Amino acid sequence: MIDANALRSACLEFNGATEEFPFPRHPDVSTFKVGGKIFALTTLEAVPLTVSLKCDPELAERLRAAHPEVVPGYHLNKRHWNTVSLDGDLPDQLILDMIEDSYDLVVASLPRAQRLLLDWPGER
């Protein structure tokens, strides 16, 4: 089961990933960014632990239909974001894949020069 420490580690393992706390009214909300853009959003102390992740709209719908732990993004664009409950019912590898997909979607939207600096596999 992915806990808060594993979630933080998974998000920060990507090239150029940073953790920020940009919401003064919600200082416990962690955002994980690459190139200044958010790819994961969570409150690491929350119970149950959830993470919001960017997702291709068609895949987002399929994931929601297949897994009750995956719902439209909370306070986010429901078409492009999912909120995922990390209560242990989803396989860890699926969660890690969703985190990586979110990172990749954000990096793909960055200017080519930034993608090259990140040594992103999609740019090779």
Protein backbone atom coordinates (compact mmCIF):
# COMPACT_ATOMS: atom_id res chain seq x y z
CA MET A 1 0.00 0.00 0.00
CA ILE A 2 1.33 3.43 -0.92
CA ASP A 3 1.52 5.67 2.15
CA ALA A 4 2.35 9.39 2.37
CA ASN A 5 6.13 8.84 2.36
CA ALA A 6 5.95 6.49 -0.62
CA LEU A 7 3.70 8.94 -2.47
CA ARG A 8 6.09 11.83 -1.86
CA SER A 9 9.06 9.70 -2.96
CA ALA A 10 7.27 8.50 -6.09
CA CYS A 11 6.42 12.07 -7.12
CA LEU A 12 9.90 13.43 -6.43
CA GLU A 13 11.79 10.67 -8.26
CA PHE A 14 11.11 12.28 -11.65
CA ASN A 15 13.63 14.66 -13.22
CA GLY A 16 12.90 18.25 -12.30
CA ALA A 17 10.07 17.39 -9.88
CA THR A 18 9.63 19.70 -6.89
CA GLU A 19 7.27 19.84 -3.94
CA GLU A 20 5.65 23.15 -3.08
CA PHE A 21 3.01 24.40 -0.66
CA PRO A 22 1.49 27.28 -2.66
CA PHE A 23 -1.83 27.73 -0.86
CA PRO A 24 -1.47 29.95 2.24
CA ARG A 25 -5.05 29.19 3.33
CA HIS A 26 -4.29 25.45 3.02
CA PRO A 27 -0.66 25.07 4.14
CA ASP A 28 -0.94 21.27 4.35
CA VAL A 29 -1.68 20.85 0.62
CA SER A 30 1.39 19.56 -1.23
CA THR A 31 1.76 20.15 -4.93
CA PHE A 32 4.28 18.29 -7.01
CA LYS A 33 5.39 20.26 -10.03
CA VAL A 34 7.61 20.02 -13.05
CA GLY A 35 8.44 23.09 -15.10
CA GLY A 36 6.27 25.14 -12.73
CA LYS A 37 3.15 23.08 -13.54
CA ILE A 38 1.33 20.76 -11.14
CA PHE A 39 1.21 17.04 -11.91
CA ALA A 40 0.11 15.81 -8.45
CA LEU A 41 -1.81 17.40 -5.61
CA THR A 42 -2.37 15.90 -2.15
CA THR A 43 -2.70 16.46 1.56
CA LEU A 44 -0.14 13.99 2.89
CA GLU A 45 -1.62 13.93 6.39
CA ALA A 46 -5.18 13.23 5.20
CA VAL A 47 -7.03 10.06 6.10
CA PRO A 48 -7.81 8.49 3.77
CA LEU A 49 -4.84 9.56 1.70
CA THR A 50 -5.78 10.73 -1.81
CA VAL A 51 -3.86 12.22 -4.70
CA SER A 52 -5.16 14.19 -7.66
CA LEU A 53 -3.44 13.41 -10.93
CA LYS A 54 -3.65 14.76 -14.46
CA CYS A 55 -4.98 12.20 -16.93
CA ASP A 56 -5.88 11.84 -20.58
CA PRO A 57 -9.68 12.41 -20.69
CA GLU A 58 -10.49 9.07 -22.34
CA LEU A 59 -8.27 7.13 -19.94
CA ALA A 60 -9.71 9.09 -17.02
CA GLU A 61 -13.20 7.87 -17.91
CA ARG A 62 -12.02 4.26 -18.24
CA LEU A 63 -10.23 4.36 -14.90
CA ARG A 64 -13.27 5.82 -13.16
CA ALA A 65 -15.52 3.13 -14.67
CA ALA A 66 -13.17 0.32 -13.65
CA HIS A 67 -12.16 1.48 -10.16
CA PRO A 68 -14.42 3.06 -7.52
CA GLU A 69 -11.25 4.50 -5.90
CA VAL A 70 -10.79 6.78 -8.94
CA VAL A 71 -13.19 9.74 -9.12
CA PRO A 72 -13.27 13.04 -11.03
CA GLY A 73 -10.69 15.50 -9.72
CA TYR A 74 -11.75 17.21 -6.50
CA HIS A 75 -11.87 21.00 -7.09
CA LEU A 76 -10.14 20.47 -10.45
CA ASN A 77 -11.10 20.20 -14.10
CA LYS A 78 -13.08 16.95 -14.02
CA ARG A 79 -12.23 16.17 -17.63
CA HIS A 80 -8.45 16.20 -17.13
CA TRP A 81 -7.96 15.26 -13.47
CA ASN A 82 -8.73 12.24 -11.31
CA THR A 83 -8.61 12.00 -7.54
CA VAL A 84 -7.35 8.59 -6.46
CA SER A 85 -7.92 7.04 -3.03
CA LEU A 86 -4.81 5.28 -1.75
CA ASP A 87 -6.65 3.09 0.74
CA GLY A 88 -4.95 -0.11 -0.42
CA ASP A 89 -7.57 -1.39 -2.85
CA LEU A 90 -5.72 -0.33 -6.01
CA PRO A 91 -2.52 -2.13 -6.99
CA ASP A 92 0.55 -0.04 -6.17
CA GLN A 93 1.84 -0.40 -9.73
CA LEU A 94 -1.37 1.09 -11.13
CA ILE A 95 -0.99 4.10 -8.83
CA LEU A 96 2.67 4.54 -9.78
CA ASP A 97 1.72 4.30 -13.47
CA MET A 98 -0.95 7.00 -13.00
CA ILE A 99 1.62 9.27 -11.31
CA GLU A 100 4.06 8.73 -14.16
CA ASP A 101 1.34 9.37 -16.76
CA SER A 102 0.44 12.63 -15.03
CA TYR A 103 4.10 13.73 -15.00
CA ASP A 104 4.47 12.78 -18.68
CA LEU A 105 1.36 14.75 -19.68
CA VAL A 106 2.70 17.86 -17.99
CA VAL A 107 6.23 17.47 -19.38
CA ALA A 108 4.84 16.91 -22.89
CA SER A 109 3.15 20.33 -22.64
CA LEU A 110 6.40 22.13 -21.77
CA PRO A 111 8.52 23.90 -24.38
CA ARG A 112 11.00 21.60 -26.15
CA ALA A 113 13.99 23.30 -24.51
CA GLN A 114 12.61 22.50 -21.06
CA ARG A 115 11.86 18.90 -22.06
CA LEU A 116 15.46 18.49 -23.25
CA LEU A 117 16.81 19.87 -19.96
CA LEU A 118 14.73 17.30 -18.08
CA ASP A 119 16.22 14.47 -20.19
CA TRP A 120 12.66 13.25 -20.63
CA PRO A 121 12.46 9.84 -22.36
CA GLY A 122 9.61 11.09 -24.56
CA GLU A 123 11.99 13.59 -26.13
CA ARG A 124 14.72 11.09 -27.03
